[in-house]
Amino acid sequence: MISRGQCRAARAYLEWSQTYLAQAAHVSESTVRDFEKGRREPTRNNLLAIKIAFEEAGIAFTNGDEPGVKLTGNRSTSGG
């Protein structure tokens, strides 16, 4: 799916706060915060919701040997 590092990097690219990501993904802020700090792994549904929120904002996730994130043409940075 996505790693906590990819989550933090995607938020940084979009200039989204944890609160904004939680709202965009319809998950709790503690889900985002705990995931990024490595305290717990979100449920599969919550992790998928986070991934979809990022993808809809123009983030593409790269996996394989070098996991990462990149911006696509559809970029939204309204998350302050």
Protein backbone atom coordinates (compact mmCIF):
# COMPACT_ATOMS: atom_id res chain seq x y z
CA MET A 1 0.00 0.00 0.00
CA ILE A 2 1.89 3.13 1.20
CA SER A 3 4.52 3.59 3.88
CA ARG A 4 4.52 6.16 6.65
CA GLY A 5 7.46 7.89 4.95
CA GLN A 6 5.48 8.12 1.72
CA CYS A 7 2.57 9.58 3.66
CA ARG A 8 4.75 12.29 5.22
CA ALA A 9 6.41 13.06 1.88
CA ALA A 10 3.08 13.31 0.06
CA ARG A 11 1.75 15.70 2.72
CA ALA A 12 4.88 17.81 2.37
CA TYR A 13 4.54 17.99 -1.42
CA LEU A 14 0.95 19.12 -1.10
CA GLU A 15 1.59 21.32 1.94
CA TRP A 16 -1.19 19.48 3.78
CA SER A 17 -1.47 19.36 7.54
CA GLN A 18 -2.31 16.08 9.27
CA THR A 19 -5.71 17.57 10.04
CA TYR A 20 -6.38 18.36 6.38
CA LEU A 21 -5.33 14.88 5.27
CA ALA A 22 -7.60 13.31 7.86
CA GLN A 23 -10.52 15.40 6.59
CA ALA A 24 -9.74 14.65 2.93
CA ALA A 25 -9.50 10.91 3.64
CA HIS A 26 -12.45 10.83 6.07
CA VAL A 27 -10.34 9.27 8.82
CA SER A 28 -9.49 10.51 12.31
CA GLU A 29 -6.54 12.81 12.84
CA SER A 30 -5.13 10.30 15.34
CA THR A 31 -5.13 7.68 12.56
CA VAL A 32 -2.86 9.89 10.45
CA ARG A 33 -0.69 11.02 13.37
CA ASP A 34 -0.20 7.50 14.79
CA PHE A 35 0.54 6.06 11.35
CA GLU A 36 3.17 8.68 10.54
CA LYS A 37 4.85 8.23 13.95
CA GLY A 38 4.89 4.44 13.58
CA ARG A 39 2.63 3.86 16.58
CA ARG A 40 0.17 1.72 14.66
CA GLU A 41 -0.79 0.62 11.17
CA PRO A 42 -4.19 1.90 10.03
CA THR A 43 -6.84 -0.57 8.94
CA ARG A 44 -6.63 -1.49 5.29
CA ASN A 45 -9.72 0.62 4.54
CA ASN A 46 -8.27 3.70 6.26
CA LEU A 47 -4.93 3.29 4.53
CA LEU A 48 -6.69 2.97 1.19
CA ALA A 49 -8.73 6.12 1.94
CA ILE A 50 -5.51 8.03 2.68
CA LYS A 51 -3.91 6.77 -0.53
CA ILE A 52 -6.95 7.73 -2.60
CA ALA A 53 -7.09 11.23 -1.07
CA PHE A 54 -3.48 11.78 -2.10
CA GLU A 55 -3.99 10.35 -5.57
CA GLU A 56 -7.00 12.60 -6.17
CA ALA A 57 -4.78 15.55 -5.24
CA GLY A 58 -2.13 14.59 -7.79
CA ILE A 59 0.25 12.30 -5.91
CA ALA A 60 1.57 9.12 -7.50
CA PHE A 61 3.22 6.51 -5.31
CA THR A 62 6.26 4.63 -6.54
CA ASN A 63 7.12 1.27 -5.06
CA GLY A 64 9.53 -1.51 -5.76
CA ASP A 65 13.23 -1.08 -5.02
CA GLU A 66 12.94 2.63 -4.20
CA PRO A 67 9.57 3.57 -2.70
CA GLY A 68 8.70 7.24 -3.04
CA VAL A 69 6.16 9.79 -4.17
CA LYS A 70 5.91 12.16 -7.10
CA LEU A 71 3.55 14.86 -8.21
CA THR A 72 1.45 14.41 -11.30
CA GLY A 73 -0.21 17.17 -13.33
CA ASN A 74 -3.34 17.26 -11.12
CA ARG A 75 -1.99 19.14 -8.11
CA SER A 76 -4.06 20.53 -5.26
CA THR A 77 -2.39 22.31 -2.35
CA SER A 78 -5.34 23.73 -0.49
CA GLY A 79 -4.66 21.92 2.73
CA GLY A 80 -2.75 24.45 4.85
